[in-house]
Protein backbone atom coordinates (compact mmCIF):
# COMPACT_ATOMS: atom_id res chain seq x y z
CA PRO A 1 63.56 243.61 -176.41
CA GLY A 2 63.40 241.01 -173.91
CA HIS A 3 60.75 239.83 -171.94
CA ARG A 4 59.02 242.00 -169.86
CA HIS A 5 59.32 240.46 -166.54
CA VAL A 6 62.87 240.05 -166.89
CA LEU A 7 65.35 242.52 -165.83
CA GLN A 8 66.20 244.67 -169.14
CA PHE A 9 70.08 244.69 -170.15
CA ILE A 10 70.67 248.41 -171.63
CA ASP A 11 74.57 248.57 -172.12
CA GLY A 12 77.76 247.43 -170.80
CA THR A 13 81.47 247.41 -171.18
CA GLU A 14 84.28 245.06 -171.21
CA PRO A 15 87.77 245.89 -169.71
CA ALA A 16 90.40 245.76 -172.27
CA ASP A 17 92.39 243.41 -170.21
CA PRO A 18 89.96 240.97 -168.63
CA VAL A 19 92.59 238.88 -166.85
CA LYS A 20 94.18 241.97 -165.09
CA PRO A 21 93.52 242.16 -161.50
CA GLY A 22 90.65 244.26 -160.29
CA ALA A 23 89.16 244.58 -163.84
CA LYS A 24 85.58 245.25 -163.96
CA ILE A 25 82.63 244.65 -166.14
CA TRP A 26 80.21 247.46 -165.98
CA ILE A 27 76.51 246.41 -166.73
CA VAL A 28 73.33 249.10 -167.21
CA THR A 29 70.01 248.24 -166.69
CA GLU A 30 66.70 249.42 -166.35
CA HIS A 31 66.44 251.58 -163.17
CA VAL A 32 65.51 249.32 -160.44
CA GLN A 33 65.60 248.39 -156.66
CA VAL A 34 66.55 245.38 -154.98
CA LEU A 35 63.57 243.02 -153.54
CA ASP A 36 64.90 243.58 -149.87
CA THR A 37 65.02 247.35 -149.97
CA TYR A 38 61.33 247.37 -151.58
CA LEU A 39 59.82 244.96 -149.17
CA SER A 40 61.05 247.08 -146.26
CA LYS A 41 59.11 249.76 -147.51
CA GLU A 42 56.40 247.89 -148.59
CA PRO A 43 55.82 244.70 -146.56
CA ALA A 44 53.99 242.00 -148.19
CA SER A 45 51.51 241.34 -145.22
CA THR A 46 49.97 244.84 -146.03
CA ASN A 47 50.52 244.85 -149.65
CA ARG A 48 48.11 242.37 -151.16
CA GLU A 49 47.59 243.85 -154.53
CA ALA A 50 51.28 244.76 -155.06
CA THR A 51 52.63 241.33 -153.70
CA SER A 52 50.31 238.98 -155.55
CA TRP A 53 51.24 241.37 -158.97
CA GLY A 54 54.90 241.08 -158.19
CA LEU A 55 54.88 237.29 -157.48
CA CYS A 56 52.94 236.77 -160.64
CA CYS A 57 55.42 238.76 -162.61
CA VAL A 58 57.90 236.30 -161.30
CA ALA A 59 55.81 233.32 -162.08
CA ARG A 60 55.21 234.47 -165.68
CA ALA A 61 58.78 234.96 -165.95
CA LEU A 62 59.76 231.26 -164.88
CA LYS A 63 57.23 230.09 -167.30
CA PHE A 64 59.10 231.86 -170.12
CA LEU A 65 62.25 230.57 -168.98
CA ASN A 66 61.17 226.87 -168.23
CA ASP A 67 58.23 226.32 -170.94
CA ASP A 68 59.08 228.46 -173.81
CA CYS A 69 62.90 228.47 -173.71
CA LYS A 70 63.32 224.97 -172.06
CA LEU A 71 66.14 226.29 -169.58
CA VAL A 72 66.55 226.52 -165.58
CA HIS A 73 67.20 229.36 -163.79
CA GLY A 74 68.61 228.06 -161.08
CA ASN A 75 69.27 230.98 -158.71
CA LEU A 76 65.69 231.90 -157.83
CA CYS A 77 65.77 233.50 -154.51
CA ARG A 78 65.03 237.04 -152.93
CA SER A 79 68.27 238.56 -154.13
CA SER A 80 67.45 237.59 -157.60
CA VAL A 81 64.45 239.39 -157.93
CA VAL A 82 64.50 243.25 -158.46
CA VAL A 83 61.37 245.80 -158.47
CA SER A 84 61.15 248.53 -161.13
CA ASP A 85 59.95 252.17 -160.48
CA SER A 86 56.48 251.08 -161.26
CA GLY A 87 56.33 247.99 -158.72
CA ASP A 88 56.75 245.09 -161.39
CA TRP A 89 58.87 242.23 -160.15
CA LYS A 90 61.66 241.64 -162.48
CA LEU A 91 63.61 238.21 -162.65
CA GLY A 92 67.41 238.82 -162.42
CA GLY A 93 70.41 236.53 -161.37
CA PHE A 94 70.94 234.41 -164.54
CA GLU A 95 74.49 233.31 -163.44
CA LEU A 96 73.45 229.66 -163.01
CA VAL A 97 70.91 229.35 -166.06
CA ALA A 98 71.33 226.16 -167.70
CA ASP A 99 69.80 223.41 -169.73
CA GLY A 100 68.41 220.99 -167.19
CA SER A 101 69.93 218.08 -169.08
CA ASP A 102 73.44 219.40 -169.22
CA PRO A 103 75.89 217.54 -166.72
CA SER A 104 78.60 220.11 -167.29
CA SER A 105 76.56 223.34 -166.41
CA LEU A 106 77.63 225.82 -163.43
CA LEU A 107 74.32 224.60 -161.76
CA ARG A 108 75.33 221.18 -161.56
CA ARG A 109 79.03 221.48 -161.18
CA CYS A 110 79.52 224.40 -158.66
CA ALA A 111 77.71 223.85 -155.49
CA HIS A 112 78.98 226.72 -154.14
CA LEU A 113 77.49 229.43 -156.30
CA ARG A 114 73.83 227.68 -155.64
CA ALA A 115 71.98 229.15 -152.66
CA ALA A 116 71.43 226.18 -150.80
CA ARG A 117 68.34 227.51 -148.86
CA VAL A 118 66.23 227.25 -151.68
CA MET A 119 67.39 224.15 -153.47
CA PRO A 120 65.15 221.05 -153.33
CA PRO A 121 65.95 217.88 -151.74
CA GLU A 122 66.98 216.31 -154.77
CA VAL A 123 69.45 218.83 -155.65
CA ALA A 124 71.20 217.94 -152.53
CA LYS A 125 71.15 214.17 -153.03
CA GLY A 126 72.45 214.79 -156.38
CA GLN A 127 69.54 213.50 -158.07
CA TRP A 128 69.65 215.67 -161.25
CA GLN A 129 67.86 213.31 -163.57
CA TYR A 130 64.36 214.80 -162.36
CA LEU A 131 65.17 217.82 -164.48
CA ALA A 132 65.07 215.82 -168.00
CA ASP A 133 61.62 214.85 -167.18
CA ALA A 134 59.88 218.03 -165.24
CA ASN A 135 62.86 221.15 -165.89
CA HIS A 136 60.41 223.28 -163.94
CA SER A 137 60.52 221.01 -160.87
CA LEU A 138 63.81 222.81 -159.11
CA ASP A 139 62.54 226.29 -160.16
CA THR A 140 59.02 225.70 -158.87
CA TRP A 141 60.34 224.56 -155.47
CA SER A 142 62.85 227.73 -155.22
CA PHE A 143 59.62 229.92 -156.27
CA GLY A 144 57.64 228.50 -153.13
CA CYS A 145 60.66 229.16 -150.93
CA LEU A 146 60.12 232.93 -152.59
CA ILE A 147 56.70 233.10 -151.63
CA HIS A 148 57.81 232.10 -147.93
CA GLU A 149 60.63 234.65 -147.60
CA VAL A 150 58.43 237.36 -149.30
CA TYR A 151 55.94 237.13 -146.24
CA ASN A 152 58.62 235.56 -143.52
CA GLY A 153 61.90 236.76 -144.14
CA MET A 154 65.34 234.88 -145.04
CA LEU A 155 64.38 231.02 -144.96
CA ALA A 156 66.82 230.03 -141.89
CA ARG A 157 65.72 226.13 -141.81
CA PRO A 158 64.11 223.88 -144.37
CA GLU A 159 61.82 222.97 -141.61
CA ASP A 160 60.33 226.40 -141.62
CA LEU A 161 58.92 225.96 -144.88
CA LYS A 162 55.88 223.97 -142.94
CA ASP A 163 54.93 227.04 -141.28
CA THR A 164 52.00 228.93 -143.31
CA THR A 165 50.81 231.06 -140.39
CA CYS A 166 52.02 234.45 -142.18
CA LEU A 167 50.81 233.40 -145.58
CA PRO A 168 47.48 234.83 -147.10
CA LYS A 169 45.18 231.94 -147.07
CA GLU A 170 44.72 232.48 -151.04
CA VAL A 171 48.20 231.57 -151.46
CA VAL A 172 48.73 228.67 -149.01
CA PRO A 173 47.35 225.66 -151.62
CA LEU A 174 49.80 226.97 -154.17
CA TYR A 175 52.69 227.19 -151.85
CA GLN A 176 51.96 223.64 -150.91
CA LEU A 177 52.01 222.32 -154.39
CA THR A 178 55.39 223.90 -154.99
CA LEU A 179 57.19 222.23 -152.19
CA LYS A 180 55.82 218.73 -153.24
CA GLY A 181 58.44 216.14 -152.41
CA ASN A 182 58.14 214.37 -155.76
CA PRO A 183 59.36 216.65 -158.48
CA ALA A 184 57.19 215.56 -160.92
CA GLN A 185 53.94 216.76 -158.93
CA ARG A 186 55.25 220.27 -158.77
CA PRO A 187 53.17 222.67 -160.94
CA ASN A 188 54.72 224.20 -164.20
CA GLY A 189 54.28 227.76 -165.29
CA ASP A 190 50.62 227.24 -166.47
CA LYS A 191 49.32 225.60 -163.55
CA VAL A 192 50.86 227.93 -161.24
CA LEU A 193 49.50 231.08 -162.99
CA THR A 194 46.12 229.62 -162.58
CA SER A 195 46.35 229.96 -158.64
CA ALA A 196 43.39 232.21 -157.09
CA PHE A 197 46.16 234.10 -155.18
CA PHE A 198 46.59 235.96 -158.44
CA ASP A 199 42.72 236.96 -158.83
CA THR A 200 43.43 240.34 -158.09
CA ALA A 201 42.63 243.66 -159.28
CA MET A 202 46.12 244.43 -160.13
CA VAL A 203 46.91 241.34 -162.12
CA TRP A 204 43.69 241.78 -163.99
CA ILE A 205 44.33 245.26 -164.91
CA ASN A 206 47.93 244.64 -166.18
CA LYS A 207 46.64 241.55 -168.34
CA GLU A 208 44.13 243.38 -169.73
CA LEU A 209 46.62 246.59 -170.59
CA ALA A 210 49.11 244.30 -171.84
CA GLY A 211 46.54 243.06 -174.45
CA LEU A 212 44.83 246.66 -175.23
CA ALA A 213 45.85 247.06 -178.72
CA LEU A 214 44.23 243.69 -179.80
CA LYS A 215 40.50 244.62 -178.36
CA SER A 216 37.64 246.20 -180.47
CA ALA A 217 36.56 249.55 -179.36
CA GLU A 218 33.68 247.79 -177.59
CA GLN A 219 35.84 245.93 -175.50
CA LYS A 220 38.15 248.84 -174.66
CA GLU A 221 35.06 250.57 -173.44
CA GLU A 222 34.08 247.97 -171.19
CA PHE A 223 37.55 247.29 -169.62
CA PHE A 224 37.98 250.95 -169.09
CA VAL A 225 34.54 251.17 -167.26
CA ALA A 226 35.53 248.41 -165.27
CA MET A 227 38.93 249.65 -164.42
CA THR A 228 37.87 252.85 -163.17
CA GLU A 229 35.77 250.83 -160.34
CA LYS A 230 38.96 248.69 -159.35
CA ILE A 231 41.92 251.10 -159.54
CA ASP A 232 41.32 252.64 -156.10
CA SER A 233 43.19 249.37 -154.62
CA LEU A 234 46.25 249.92 -156.73
CA PRO A 235 49.27 251.63 -155.58
CA ASP A 236 50.12 255.07 -156.26
CA LEU A 237 53.69 254.47 -157.91
CA HIS A 238 52.05 251.74 -160.24
CA LEU A 239 49.18 253.83 -161.22
CA ARG A 240 51.74 256.71 -162.15
CA TYR A 241 54.33 254.69 -163.89
CA LYS A 242 52.67 251.86 -165.40
CA VAL A 243 48.96 253.11 -165.74
CA LEU A 244 48.73 256.43 -166.56
CA PRO A 245 51.10 256.23 -169.39
CA GLU A 246 48.76 253.51 -170.90
CA LEU A 247 45.78 255.33 -170.50
CA LEU A 248 47.01 258.46 -172.20
CA LYS A 249 48.31 256.76 -175.05
CA ALA A 250 44.87 254.71 -175.13
CA VAL A 251 43.26 258.41 -175.15
CA GLU A 252 45.33 259.93 -177.74
CA PHE A 253 46.31 257.35 -180.38
CA GLY A 254 44.53 253.75 -179.36
CA GLY A 255 41.07 254.66 -179.72
CA GLY A 256 40.13 254.42 -176.22
CA GLY A 257 37.68 257.07 -176.76
CA THR A 258 35.76 258.80 -173.85
CA ALA A 259 35.51 255.87 -171.62
CA ALA A 260 39.71 256.09 -171.18
CA ILE A 261 39.04 259.92 -169.66
CA ALA A 262 37.06 258.75 -166.59
CA PRO A 263 40.05 256.43 -165.29
CA MET A 264 42.67 258.82 -166.33
CA LEU A 265 41.26 261.63 -164.49
CA LYS A 266 40.06 259.54 -161.39
CA LEU A 267 43.86 258.62 -161.20
CA GLY A 268 45.03 262.21 -161.61
CA GLN A 269 43.10 262.99 -158.25
CA ARG A 270 45.67 260.77 -156.45
CA MET A 271 48.58 263.12 -157.52
CA SER A 272 49.73 266.48 -156.37
CA ALA A 273 49.00 269.37 -158.07
CA GLU A 274 52.50 269.89 -159.57
CA ASP A 275 52.65 266.06 -160.67
CA PHE A 276 49.28 266.35 -162.06
CA GLY A 277 50.46 269.50 -164.12
CA LYS A 278 53.76 267.69 -165.27
CA GLU A 279 52.30 264.40 -166.30
CA VAL A 280 48.50 264.24 -166.87
CA VAL A 281 47.72 268.00 -168.19
CA PRO A 282 50.32 267.44 -171.36
CA GLY A 283 48.67 264.57 -172.36
CA VAL A 284 45.09 266.30 -171.96
CA VAL A 285 46.03 269.21 -173.95
CA ARG A 286 47.54 266.82 -176.89
CA CYS A 287 44.16 264.78 -176.87
CA PHE A 288 42.02 267.99 -177.56
CA GLY A 289 43.83 267.74 -180.96
CA SER A 290 42.16 263.94 -181.54
CA GLN A 291 40.25 263.68 -184.76
CA ASP A 292 37.48 261.93 -182.65
CA ARG A 293 34.96 264.19 -181.78
CA ALA A 294 33.72 262.03 -178.92
CA THR A 295 37.42 262.18 -177.12
CA ARG A 296 37.13 266.01 -177.24
CA ILE A 297 33.44 266.29 -175.86
CA GLY A 298 34.54 264.21 -173.14
CA LEU A 299 37.70 266.24 -172.28
CA LEU A 300 35.26 269.36 -172.40
CA GLN A 301 32.81 267.54 -170.08
CA ASN A 302 35.56 266.96 -167.66
CA LEU A 303 37.01 270.08 -167.91
CA HIS A 304 36.13 271.21 -164.24
CA THR A 305 38.31 268.44 -163.02
CA PHE A 306 41.97 269.81 -164.78
CA ALA A 307 40.95 273.41 -165.75
CA ASP A 308 42.78 274.83 -162.67
CA HIS A 309 46.00 273.14 -164.07
CA LEU A 310 45.91 275.08 -167.47
CA SER A 311 48.00 277.83 -167.84
CA PRO A 312 47.42 280.74 -170.31
CA ALA A 313 49.76 279.46 -172.37
CA LEU A 314 48.45 276.15 -172.76
CA VAL A 315 45.05 277.41 -173.46
CA GLU A 316 46.74 279.63 -176.25
């Protein structure tokens, strides 16, 4: 498995004769939609939680690529970001990925393949030596351009980057740092992720869910109690496709105990009766088989919230 914030490759086929005119390579990925389509339905200006989490996903992917793999993406823009069914933003468009010190890379040799509007000034001047000391500098600039494009649409001119009118005030300090004229002064992945822009309920909940298996029973209980108070601000699709499955696993297998029941059933109240019956009730029924007596008691205490969805066959 790859990094969770990178578009997942599932399968692919190569043509028997790759040099034949019209030959095609088929690539199968996880189900996603392009960022432009997503933003047309969920504008960044009215979707603070989801946008902050989405940009955090991209920043984490860049940190993995730049800091851990010592590579440059070189193609970060609206068209290289896609969005999963649960609202997680994924980094794709790896056609130009390269070692920043490699003079023969496609990134350096093929200017026509680069998205010129999101390239930093030193690239236009052919000053590639900066990547040797700060291999994150190119992608960090492009990340700043992505922030601009998420809130303003396609970047038309470099001069437009100075306009922060449409940006949330919490993201402006980070945005300005990413666009520093001196490449060495642009923040790397670790520093980008310390931005106050990412201090949101959605980012916090996802961070805690990712480390849930490593928490003690007491820490899990504290998390689920706090989570119950925060989930109202999260988008429905994220709760349904990302948070709910984790809560069901926590109740059934992960020692989440009774504390995980409250956010799970609160989340279920935002679903249609049909979806609740399909996605929540089967998990609840399985939880009645838990060896943890407290879990079973907790379910019985909340029976009134899901009893109407229990068919006679399920009860038997």
